[in-house]
Each structure stands twice: as structure tokens, then as C-alpha cells.
C-alpha atoms as a PDB file:
ATOM      1  CA  UNK A   1    -159.548-152.513  90.985  1.00  0.00           C
ATOM      2  CA  UNK A   2    -157.605-149.293  92.206  1.00  0.00           C
ATOM      3  CA  UNK A   3    -159.163-146.942  94.997  1.00  0.00           C
ATOM      4  CA  UNK A   4    -159.022-144.293  92.094  1.00  0.00           C
ATOM      5  CA  UNK A   5    -161.419-146.236  89.904  1.00  0.00           C
ATOM      6  CA  UNK A   6    -163.764-147.278  92.422  1.00  0.00           C
ATOM      7  CA  UNK A   7    -163.987-143.309  93.556  1.00  0.00           C
ATOM      8  CA  UNK A   8    -164.291-142.473  89.719  1.00  0.00           C
ATOM      9  CA  UNK A   9    -167.212-145.071  89.410  1.00  0.00           C
ATOM     10  CA  UNK A  10    -168.823-143.336  92.627  1.00  0.00           C
ATOM     11  CA  UNK A  11    -168.362-140.099  90.958  1.00  0.00           C
ATOM     12  CA  UNK A  12    -170.063-141.126  87.728  1.00  0.00           C
ATOM     13  CA  UNK A  13    -172.725-142.645  89.474  1.00  0.00           C
ATOM     14  CA  UNK A  14    -173.641-139.333  91.531  1.00  0.00           C
ATOM     15  CA  UNK A  15    -173.566-137.560  88.274  1.00  0.00           C
ATOM     16  CA  UNK A  16    -175.882-139.722  86.557  1.00  0.00           C
ATOM     17  CA  UNK A  17    -178.207-139.876  89.854  1.00  0.00           C
ATOM     18  CA  UNK A  18    -178.068-136.129  89.792  1.00  0.00           C
ATOM     19  CA  UNK A  19    -178.846-135.338  86.118  1.00  0.00           C
ATOM     20  CA  UNK A  20    -181.722-137.980  86.409  1.00  0.00           C
ATOM     21  CA  UNK A  21    -183.142-136.249  89.235  1.00  0.00           C
ATOM     22  CA  UNK A  22    -182.990-132.683  87.573  1.00  0.00           C
ATOM     23  CA  UNK A  23    -184.488-133.994  84.465  1.00  0.00           C
ATOM     24  CA  UNK A  24    -187.340-136.115  86.045  1.00  0.00           C
ATOM     25  CA  UNK A  25    -188.244-134.081  89.085  1.00  0.00           C
ATOM     26  CA  UNK A  26    -190.250-131.610  86.959  1.00  0.00           C
ATOM     27  CA  UNK A  27    -192.503-134.089  85.291  1.00  0.00           C
ATOM     28  CA  UNK A  28    -192.921-136.867  88.212  1.00  0.00           C
ATOM     29  CA  UNK A  29    -191.257-135.297  91.477  1.00  0.00           C
ATOM     30  CA  UNK A  30    -192.106-138.131  93.765  1.00  0.00           C
ATOM     31  CA  UNK A  31    -190.266-140.459  91.441  1.00  0.00           C
ATOM     32  CA  UNK A  32    -187.443-138.558  90.448  1.00  0.00           C
ATOM     33  CA  UNK A  33    -185.290-139.543  93.486  1.00  0.00           C
ATOM     34  CA  UNK A  34    -186.109-143.080  93.415  1.00  0.00           C
ATOM     35  CA  UNK A  35    -185.367-143.223  89.694  1.00  0.00           C
ATOM     36  CA  UNK A  36    -181.986-141.507  90.055  1.00  0.00           C
ATOM     37  CA  UNK A  37    -180.676-143.854  92.584  1.00  0.00           C
ATOM     38  CA  UNK A  38    -181.725-146.714  90.654  1.00  0.00           C
ATOM     39  CA  UNK A  39    -179.957-145.444  87.542  1.00  0.00           C
ATOM     40  CA  UNK A  40    -177.023-144.613  89.507  1.00  0.00           C
ATOM     41  CA  UNK A  41    -176.913-148.022  91.535  1.00  0.00           C
ATOM     42  CA  UNK A  42    -177.301-149.977  88.063  1.00  0.00           C
ATOM     43  CA  UNK A  43    -173.992-148.137  86.609  1.00  0.00           C
ATOM     44  CA  UNK A  44    -171.964-148.622  89.857  1.00  0.00           C
ATOM     45  CA  UNK A  45    -172.979-152.193  90.524  1.00  0.00           C
ATOM     46  CA  UNK A  46    -173.039-153.417  87.040  1.00  0.00           C
ATOM     47  CA  UNK A  47    -170.821-150.828  85.012  1.00  0.00           C
ATOM     48  CA  UNK A  48    -173.063-151.700  82.251  1.00  0.00           C
ATOM     49  CA  UNK A  49    -175.269-148.631  82.018  1.00  0.00           C
ATOM     50  CA  UNK A  50    -177.032-149.010  78.998  1.00  0.00           C
ATOM     51  CA  UNK A  51    -178.478-152.389  79.646  1.00  0.00           C
ATOM     52  CA  UNK A  52    -176.766-153.789  76.675  1.00  0.00           C
ATOM     53  CA  UNK A  53    -176.071-157.711  76.134  1.00  0.00           C
ATOM     54  CA  UNK A  54    -172.647-156.317  75.365  1.00  0.00           C
ATOM     55  CA  UNK A  55    -171.625-155.427  78.866  1.00  0.00           C
ATOM     56  CA  UNK A  56    -167.990-156.899  78.630  1.00  0.00           C
ATOM     57  CA  UNK A  57    -166.990-154.999  75.620  1.00  0.00           C
ATOM     58  CA  UNK A  58    -168.495-151.609  77.334  1.00  0.00           C
ATOM     59  CA  UNK A  59    -166.437-152.276  80.544  1.00  0.00           C
ATOM     60  CA  UNK A  60    -163.229-152.807  78.384  1.00  0.00           C
ATOM     61  CA  UNK A  61    -163.786-149.697  76.861  1.00  0.00           C
ATOM     62  CA  UNK A  62    -164.289-147.858  80.142  1.00  0.00           C
ATOM     63  CA  UNK A  63    -161.238-149.263  81.870  1.00  0.00           C
ATOM     64  CA  UNK A  64    -159.149-148.453  78.718  1.00  0.00           C
ATOM     65  CA  UNK A  65    -160.116-144.643  79.486  1.00  0.00           C
ATOM     66  CA  UNK A  66    -159.350-145.318  83.245  1.00  0.00           C
ATOM     67  CA  UNK A  67    -155.964-146.521  82.078  1.00  0.00           C
ATOM     68  CA  UNK A  68    -155.338-143.708  79.925  1.00  0.00           C
ATOM     69  CA  UNK A  69    -156.263-140.960  82.607  1.00  0.00           C
ATOM     70  CA  UNK A  70    -156.171-142.296  86.240  1.00  0.00           C
ATOM     71  CA  UNK A  71    -153.003-143.442  88.043  1.00  0.00           C
ATOM     72  CA  UNK A  72    -152.898-147.264  89.186  1.00  0.00           C
END
């Protein structure tokens, strides 16, 4: 996996974390940061952010997008 793909995965994880924190902080402020980090880590380490049993197909689609837009 190229450096660009790893950096882009990390960027997506940061965005997921920030959005989760922003959405949950008004409702449960004590849990918002932990929940955001959990969702970001789940995406980054498994690349199966939806918890679907069809993770291989989802990862192939993500890799296809990376192939189209990121240099090798």
C-alpha cells in the first residue's frame, strides 16, 4: 500500500472522528471524543466502516477510487 493511500486513509479517519465528535458532543459531551476515536480507529484499521459482512467488496471499491485519483 502506497504512502498516499495510507495518508488518505488517515485523513478520512480524522474527518470521521471530527464529524462524530461534532454531532455527539451536544448530546453526550463526555462520550463524544471516545466515540469519535473508536469510529476513526475502526475505519482506519479495518477499512470496513459500515460493519458489513461484505468488507472485501467495500475495500475493493475504496481501492478502485484510490487507483483512479491517487498516484501510485
